[in-house]
Amino acid sequence: MSTATTTTTTVTVTGMTCGHCVSSVREEVGRIDGVTSVDVELASGLVTIASTAPVEREAIAAAVDEAGYQLAD
């Protein structure tokens, strides 16, 4: 039995105001290769991404942009 390593990345997303926003961000970020789960906290904008390998910030930014939002600097 192999043990897979999970990498966790946390970013902050600005502009989310409702549950639909959360769903959009979760869906787009979840499409990134290697991403296994996405947890989005609406109140803080905190997005925690679990993946099988490190995810480049540019890929996350592109997915968040596709959902209609932006990463905080």
PDB file of N, CA and C in Angstrom:
ATOM      1  N   MET A   1       0.840  -1.187   0.000  1.00  0.00           N
ATOM      2  CA  MET A   1       0.000   0.000   0.000  1.00  0.00           C
ATOM      3  C   MET A   1       0.878   1.242   0.000  1.00  0.00           C
ATOM      4  N   SER A   2       0.693   2.105  -0.961  1.00  0.00           N
ATOM      5  CA  SER A   2       1.498   3.318  -1.037  1.00  0.00           C
ATOM      6  C   SER A   2       0.805   4.433  -0.275  1.00  0.00           C
ATOM      7  N   THR A   3       1.594   5.326   0.258  1.00  0.00           N
ATOM      8  CA  THR A   3       1.037   6.471   0.958  1.00  0.00           C
ATOM      9  C   THR A   3       1.229   7.696   0.087  1.00  0.00           C
ATOM     10  N   ALA A   4       0.128   8.266  -0.335  1.00  0.00           N
ATOM     11  CA  ALA A   4       0.193   9.458  -1.181  1.00  0.00           C
ATOM     12  C   ALA A   4       0.423  10.679  -0.316  1.00  0.00           C
ATOM     13  N   THR A   5       1.255  11.551  -0.800  1.00  0.00           N
ATOM     14  CA  THR A   5       1.510  12.807  -0.096  1.00  0.00           C
ATOM     15  C   THR A   5       0.499  13.839  -0.556  1.00  0.00           C
ATOM     16  N   THR A   6      -0.070  14.546   0.408  1.00  0.00           N
ATOM     17  CA  THR A   6      -1.005  15.615   0.080  1.00  0.00           C
ATOM     18  C   THR A   6      -0.348  16.940   0.374  1.00  0.00           C
ATOM     19  N   THR A   7      -0.454  17.846  -0.578  1.00  0.00           N
ATOM     20  CA  THR A   7       0.052  19.200  -0.424  1.00  0.00           C
ATOM     21  C   THR A   7      -1.138  20.110  -0.177  1.00  0.00           C
ATOM     22  N   THR A   8      -0.996  21.007   0.782  1.00  0.00           N
ATOM     23  CA  THR A   8      -2.070  21.958   1.070  1.00  0.00           C
ATOM     24  C   THR A   8      -1.598  23.363   0.736  1.00  0.00           C
ATOM     25  N   THR A   9      -2.424  24.077  -0.023  1.00  0.00           N
ATOM     26  CA  THR A   9      -2.140  25.455  -0.405  1.00  0.00           C
ATOM     27  C   THR A   9      -3.309  26.310   0.063  1.00  0.00           C
ATOM     28  N   THR A  10      -3.015  27.456   0.656  1.00  0.00           N
ATOM     29  CA  THR A  10      -4.073  28.355   1.110  1.00  0.00           C
ATOM     30  C   THR A  10      -3.901  29.711   0.443  1.00  0.00           C
ATOM     31  N   VAL A  11      -5.002  30.216  -0.119  1.00  0.00           N
ATOM     32  CA  VAL A  11      -5.008  31.537  -0.746  1.00  0.00           C
ATOM     33  C   VAL A  11      -6.252  32.282  -0.271  1.00  0.00           C
ATOM     34  N   THR A  12      -6.271  33.580  -0.496  1.00  0.00           N
ATOM     35  CA  THR A  12      -7.448  34.382  -0.174  1.00  0.00           C
ATOM     36  C   THR A  12      -8.025  34.933  -1.470  1.00  0.00           C
ATOM     37  N   VAL A  13      -9.340  34.771  -1.606  1.00  0.00           N
ATOM     38  CA  VAL A  13     -10.052  35.230  -2.796  1.00  0.00           C
ATOM     39  C   VAL A  13     -10.935  36.410  -2.409  1.00  0.00           C
ATOM     40  N   THR A  14     -10.914  37.454  -3.223  1.00  0.00           N
ATOM     41  CA  THR A  14     -11.740  38.633  -2.956  1.00  0.00           C
ATOM     42  C   THR A  14     -12.948  38.662  -3.890  1.00  0.00           C
ATOM     43  N   GLY A  15     -14.031  39.270  -3.402  1.00  0.00           N
ATOM     44  CA  GLY A  15     -15.204  39.493  -4.234  1.00  0.00           C
ATOM     45  C   GLY A  15     -16.332  38.497  -4.053  1.00  0.00           C
ATOM     46  N   MET A  16     -16.120  37.446  -3.269  1.00  0.00           N
ATOM     47  CA  MET A  16     -17.191  36.467  -3.074  1.00  0.00           C
ATOM     48  C   MET A  16     -18.216  37.020  -2.081  1.00  0.00           C
ATOM     49  N   THR A  17     -19.508  36.874  -2.409  1.00  0.00           N
ATOM     50  CA  THR A  17     -20.550  37.417  -1.541  1.00  0.00           C
ATOM     51  C   THR A  17     -21.642  36.419  -1.185  1.00  0.00           C
ATOM     52  N   CYS A  18     -21.648  35.231  -1.803  1.00  0.00           N
ATOM     53  CA  CYS A  18     -22.754  34.300  -1.558  1.00  0.00           C
ATOM     54  C   CYS A  18     -22.335  32.857  -1.814  1.00  0.00           C
ATOM     55  N   GLY A  19     -23.249  31.954  -1.565  1.00  0.00           N
ATOM     56  CA  GLY A  19     -22.987  30.537  -1.774  1.00  0.00           C
ATOM     57  C   GLY A  19     -22.667  30.198  -3.217  1.00  0.00           C
ATOM     58  N   HIS A  20     -23.276  30.906  -4.165  1.00  0.00           N
ATOM     59  CA  HIS A  20     -22.988  30.657  -5.575  1.00  0.00           C
ATOM     60  C   HIS A  20     -21.537  30.998  -5.885  1.00  0.00           C
ATOM     61  N   CYS A  21     -21.047  32.066  -5.273  1.00  0.00           N
ATOM     62  CA  CYS A  21     -19.641  32.453  -5.452  1.00  0.00           C
ATOM     63  C   CYS A  21     -18.730  31.320  -4.981  1.00  0.00           C
ATOM     64  N   VAL A  22     -19.030  30.798  -3.805  1.00  0.00           N
ATOM     65  CA  VAL A  22     -18.252  29.705  -3.235  1.00  0.00           C
ATOM     66  C   VAL A  22     -18.248  28.510  -4.179  1.00  0.00           C
ATOM     67  N   SER A  23     -19.414  28.163  -4.704  1.00  0.00           N
ATOM     68  CA  SER A  23     -19.522  27.022  -5.621  1.00  0.00           C
ATOM     69  C   SER A  23     -18.712  27.238  -6.886  1.00  0.00           C
ATOM     70  N   SER A  24     -18.753  28.451  -7.426  1.00  0.00           N
ATOM     71  CA  SER A  24     -18.010  28.757  -8.648  1.00  0.00           C
ATOM     72  C   SER A  24     -16.513  28.614  -8.432  1.00  0.00           C
ATOM     73  N   VAL A  25     -16.020  29.168  -7.327  1.00  0.00           N
ATOM     74  CA  VAL A  25     -14.587  29.075  -7.035  1.00  0.00           C
ATOM     75  C   VAL A  25     -14.198  27.622  -6.797  1.00  0.00           C
ATOM     76  N   ARG A  26     -14.997  26.896  -6.011  1.00  0.00           N
ATOM     77  CA  ARG A  26     -14.696  25.494  -5.722  1.00  0.00           C
ATOM     78  C   ARG A  26     -14.648  24.673  -7.019  1.00  0.00           C
ATOM     79  N   GLU A  27     -15.588  24.917  -7.914  1.00  0.00           N
ATOM     80  CA  GLU A  27     -15.652  24.163  -9.166  1.00  0.00           C
ATOM     81  C   GLU A  27     -14.438  24.441 -10.056  1.00  0.00           C
ATOM     82  N   GLU A  28     -14.110  25.715 -10.254  1.00  0.00           N
ATOM     83  CA  GLU A  28     -12.998  26.064 -11.149  1.00  0.00           C
ATOM     84  C   GLU A  28     -11.648  25.617 -10.581  1.00  0.00           C
ATOM     85  N   VAL A  29     -11.405  25.863  -9.296  1.00  0.00           N
ATOM     86  CA  VAL A  29     -10.137  25.450  -8.698  1.00  0.00           C
ATOM     87  C   VAL A  29     -10.043  23.923  -8.673  1.00  0.00           C
ATOM     88  N   GLY A  30     -11.165  23.263  -8.473  1.00  0.00           N
ATOM     89  CA  GLY A  30     -11.191  21.800  -8.452  1.00  0.00           C
ATOM     90  C   GLY A  30     -10.827  21.159  -9.780  1.00  0.00           C
ATOM     91  N   ARG A  31     -10.880  21.933 -10.857  1.00  0.00           N
ATOM     92  CA  ARG A  31     -10.527  21.417 -12.194  1.00  0.00           C
ATOM     93  C   ARG A  31      -9.021  21.387 -12.446  1.00  0.00           C
ATOM     94  N   ILE A  32      -8.248  22.028 -11.581  1.00  0.00           N
ATOM     95  CA  ILE A  32      -6.792  22.044 -11.758  1.00  0.00           C
ATOM     96  C   ILE A  32      -6.261  20.627 -11.564  1.00  0.00           C
ATOM     97  N   ASP A  33      -5.370  20.198 -12.458  1.00  0.00           N
ATOM     98  CA  ASP A  33      -4.788  18.862 -12.362  1.00  0.00           C
ATOM     99  C   ASP A  33      -4.162  18.632 -10.996  1.00  0.00           C
ATOM    100  N   GLY A  34      -4.491  17.498 -10.393  1.00  0.00           N
ATOM    101  CA  GLY A  34      -3.899  17.118  -9.126  1.00  0.00           C
ATOM    102  C   GLY A  34      -4.667  17.578  -7.901  1.00  0.00           C
ATOM    103  N   VAL A  35      -5.624  18.489  -8.077  1.00  0.00           N
ATOM    104  CA  VAL A  35      -6.395  18.985  -6.928  1.00  0.00           C
ATOM    105  C   VAL A  35      -7.377  17.902  -6.488  1.00  0.00           C
ATOM    106  N   THR A  36      -7.356  17.590  -5.185  1.00  0.00           N
ATOM    107  CA  THR A  36      -8.221  16.547  -4.650  1.00  0.00           C
ATOM    108  C   THR A  36      -9.392  17.101  -3.841  1.00  0.00           C
ATOM    109  N   SER A  37      -9.233  18.299  -3.279  1.00  0.00           N
ATOM    110  CA  SER A  37     -10.352  18.937  -2.584  1.00  0.00           C
ATOM    111  C   SER A  37     -10.121  20.436  -2.476  1.00  0.00           C
ATOM    112  N   VAL A  38     -11.234  21.161  -2.380  1.00  0.00           N
ATOM    113  CA  VAL A  38     -11.186  22.613  -2.262  1.00  0.00           C
ATOM    114  C   VAL A  38     -12.178  23.010  -1.172  1.00  0.00           C
ATOM    115  N   ASP A  39     -11.705  23.714  -0.156  1.00  0.00           N
ATOM    116  CA  ASP A  39     -12.558  24.200   0.922  1.00  0.00           C
ATOM    117  C   ASP A  39     -12.574  25.719   0.857  1.00  0.00           C
ATOM    118  N   VAL A  40     -13.770  26.305   0.764  1.00  0.00           N
ATOM    119  CA  VAL A  40     -13.900  27.754   0.629  1.00  0.00           C
ATOM    120  C   VAL A  40     -14.688  28.301   1.811  1.00  0.00           C
ATOM    121  N   GLU A  41     -14.112  29.284   2.506  1.00  0.00           N
ATOM    122  CA  GLU A  41     -14.802  29.979   3.587  1.00  0.00           C
ATOM    123  C   GLU A  41     -15.275  31.323   3.051  1.00  0.00           C
ATOM    124  N   LEU A  42     -16.573  31.484   2.943  1.00  0.00           N
ATOM    125  CA  LEU A  42     -17.138  32.699   2.361  1.00  0.00           C
ATOM    126  C   LEU A  42     -16.772  33.948   3.169  1.00  0.00           C
ATOM    127  N   ALA A  43     -16.921  33.899   4.486  1.00  0.00           N
ATOM    128  CA  ALA A  43     -16.721  35.094   5.318  1.00  0.00           C
ATOM    129  C   ALA A  43     -15.308  35.661   5.214  1.00  0.00           C
ATOM    130  N   SER A  44     -14.320  34.786   5.195  1.00  0.00           N
ATOM    131  CA  SER A  44     -12.926  35.246   5.176  1.00  0.00           C
ATOM    132  C   SER A  44     -12.323  35.278   3.780  1.00  0.00           C
ATOM    133  N   GLY A  45     -12.943  34.554   2.838  1.00  0.00           N
ATOM    134  CA  GLY A  45     -12.378  34.440   1.500  1.00  0.00           C
ATOM    135  C   GLY A  45     -11.256  33.419   1.425  1.00  0.00           C
ATOM    136  N   LEU A  46     -11.031  32.707   2.514  1.00  0.00           N
ATOM    137  CA  LEU A  46      -9.944  31.737   2.587  1.00  0.00           C
ATOM    138  C   LEU A  46     -10.288  30.487   1.779  1.00  0.00           C
ATOM    139  N   VAL A  47      -9.380  30.108   0.902  1.00  0.00           N
ATOM    140  CA  VAL A  47      -9.557  28.913   0.074  1.00  0.00           C
ATOM    141  C   VAL A  47      -8.391  27.968   0.374  1.00  0.00           C
ATOM    142  N   THR A  48      -8.725  26.772   0.834  1.00  0.00           N
ATOM    143  CA  THR A  48      -7.717  25.767   1.145  1.00  0.00           C
ATOM    144  C   THR A  48      -7.805  24.676   0.091  1.00  0.00           C
ATOM    145  N   ILE A  49      -6.679  24.416  -0.573  1.00  0.00           N
ATOM    146  CA  ILE A  49      -6.635  23.481  -1.691  1.00  0.00           C
ATOM    147  C   ILE A  49      -5.739  22.306  -1.313  1.00  0.00           C
ATOM    148  N   ALA A  50      -6.287  21.106  -1.384  1.00  0.00           N
ATOM    149  CA  ALA A  50      -5.486  19.900  -1.174  1.00  0.00           C
ATOM    150  C   ALA A  50      -5.196  19.308  -2.543  1.00  0.00           C
ATOM    151  N   SER A  51      -3.932  18.889  -2.739  1.00  0.00           N
ATOM    152  CA  SER A  51      -3.543  18.364  -4.046  1.00  0.00           C
ATOM    153  C   SER A  51      -2.464  17.309  -3.888  1.00  0.00           C
ATOM    154  N   THR A  52      -2.254  16.552  -4.955  1.00  0.00           N
ATOM    155  CA  THR A  52      -1.258  15.482  -4.943  1.00  0.00           C
ATOM    156  C   THR A  52       0.152  16.016  -5.159  1.00  0.00           C
ATOM    157  N   ALA A  53       0.260  17.268  -5.604  1.00  0.00           N
ATOM    158  CA  ALA A  53       1.550  17.928  -5.829  1.00  0.00           C
ATOM    159  C   ALA A  53       1.323  19.423  -5.657  1.00  0.00           C
ATOM    160  N   PRO A  54       2.381  20.185  -5.428  1.00  0.00           N
ATOM    161  CA  PRO A  54       2.200  21.636  -5.303  1.00  0.00           C
ATOM    162  C   PRO A  54       1.506  22.223  -6.534  1.00  0.00           C
ATOM    163  N   VAL A  55       0.600  23.174  -6.300  1.00  0.00           N
ATOM    164  CA  VAL A  55      -0.127  23.836  -7.381  1.00  0.00           C
ATOM    165  C   VAL A  55       0.445  25.241  -7.539  1.00  0.00           C
ATOM    166  N   GLU A  56       0.771  25.606  -8.766  1.00  0.00           N
ATOM    167  CA  GLU A  56       1.341  26.928  -9.019  1.00  0.00           C
ATOM    168  C   GLU A  56       0.297  28.013  -8.770  1.00  0.00           C
ATOM    169  N   ARG A  57       0.756  29.097  -8.164  1.00  0.00           N
ATOM    170  CA  ARG A  57      -0.146  30.220  -7.876  1.00  0.00           C
ATOM    171  C   ARG A  57      -0.802  30.747  -9.157  1.00  0.00           C
ATOM    172  N   GLU A  58      -0.068  30.727 -10.253  1.00  0.00           N
ATOM    173  CA  GLU A  58      -0.625  31.202 -11.524  1.00  0.00           C
ATOM    174  C   GLU A  58      -1.825  30.359 -11.953  1.00  0.00           C
ATOM    175  N   ALA A  59      -1.755  29.046 -11.716  1.00  0.00           N
ATOM    176  CA  ALA A  59      -2.866  28.165 -12.084  1.00  0.00           C
ATOM    177  C   ALA A  59      -4.081  28.456 -11.210  1.00  0.00           C
ATOM    178  N   ILE A  60      -3.829  28.695  -9.934  1.00  0.00           N
ATOM    179  CA  ILE A  60      -4.926  29.034  -9.018  1.00  0.00           C
ATOM    180  C   ILE A  60      -5.534  30.365  -9.418  1.00  0.00           C
ATOM    181  N   ALA A  61      -4.687  31.348  -9.696  1.00  0.00           N
ATOM    182  CA  ALA A  61      -5.166  32.682 -10.095  1.00  0.00           C
ATOM    183  C   ALA A  61      -6.016  32.592 -11.361  1.00  0.00           C
ATOM    184  N   ALA A  62      -5.590  31.779 -12.313  1.00  0.00           N
ATOM    185  CA  ALA A  62      -6.346  31.628 -13.567  1.00  0.00           C
ATOM    186  C   ALA A  62      -7.708  30.993 -13.299  1.00  0.00           C
ATOM    187  N   ALA A  63      -7.754  29.992 -12.429  1.00  0.00           N
ATOM    188  CA  ALA A  63      -9.019  29.328 -12.109  1.00  0.00           C
ATOM    189  C   ALA A  63      -9.960  30.274 -11.363  1.00  0.00           C
ATOM    190  N   VAL A  64      -9.416  31.020 -10.421  1.00  0.00           N
ATOM    191  CA  VAL A  64     -10.223  31.987  -9.669  1.00  0.00           C
ATOM    192  C   VAL A  64     -10.743  33.068 -10.609  1.00  0.00           C
ATOM    193  N   ASP A  65      -9.899  33.530 -11.533  1.00  0.00           N
ATOM    194  CA  ASP A  65     -10.311  34.526 -12.524  1.00  0.00           C
ATOM    195  C   ASP A  65     -11.431  33.980 -13.408  1.00  0.00           C
ATOM    196  N   GLU A  66     -11.311  32.715 -13.790  1.00  0.00           N
ATOM    197  CA  GLU A  66     -12.339  32.070 -14.623  1.00  0.00           C
ATOM    198  C   GLU A  66     -13.690  32.051 -13.891  1.00  0.00           C
ATOM    199  N   ALA A  67     -13.626  31.914 -12.553  1.00  0.00           N
ATOM    200  CA  ALA A  67     -14.841  31.908 -11.752  1.00  0.00           C
ATOM    201  C   ALA A  67     -15.392  33.326 -11.562  1.00  0.00           C
ATOM    202  N   GLY A  68     -14.590  34.343 -11.917  1.00  0.00           N
ATOM    203  CA  GLY A  68     -15.053  35.723 -11.830  1.00  0.00           C
ATOM    204  C   GLY A  68     -14.553  36.491 -10.622  1.00  0.00           C
ATOM    205  N   TYR A  69     -13.492  35.995  -9.990  1.00  0.00           N
ATOM    206  CA  TYR A  69     -12.970  36.624  -8.768  1.00  0.00           C
ATOM    207  C   TYR A  69     -11.467  36.813  -8.886  1.00  0.00           C
ATOM    208  N   GLN A  70     -10.847  37.337  -7.834  1.00  0.00           N
ATOM    209  CA  GLN A  70      -9.404  37.578  -7.871  1.00  0.00           C
ATOM    210  C   GLN A  70      -8.763  37.087  -6.590  1.00  0.00           C
ATOM    211  N   LEU A  71      -7.483  36.710  -6.709  1.00  0.00           N
ATOM    212  CA  LEU A  71      -6.703  36.402  -5.520  1.00  0.00           C
ATOM    213  C   LEU A  71      -6.322  37.707  -4.859  1.00  0.00           C
ATOM    214  N   ALA A  72      -6.326  37.715  -3.532  1.00  0.00           N
ATOM    215  CA  ALA A  72      -5.818  38.876  -2.792  1.00  0.00           C
ATOM    216  C   ALA A  72      -4.295  38.842  -2.898  1.00  0.00           C
ATOM    217  N   ASP A  73      -3.653  39.991  -2.876  1.00  0.00           N
ATOM    218  CA  ASP A  73      -2.191  40.037  -2.987  1.00  0.00           C
ATOM    219  C   ASP A  73      -1.508  39.575  -1.742  1.00  0.00           C
TER     220      ASP A  73
END
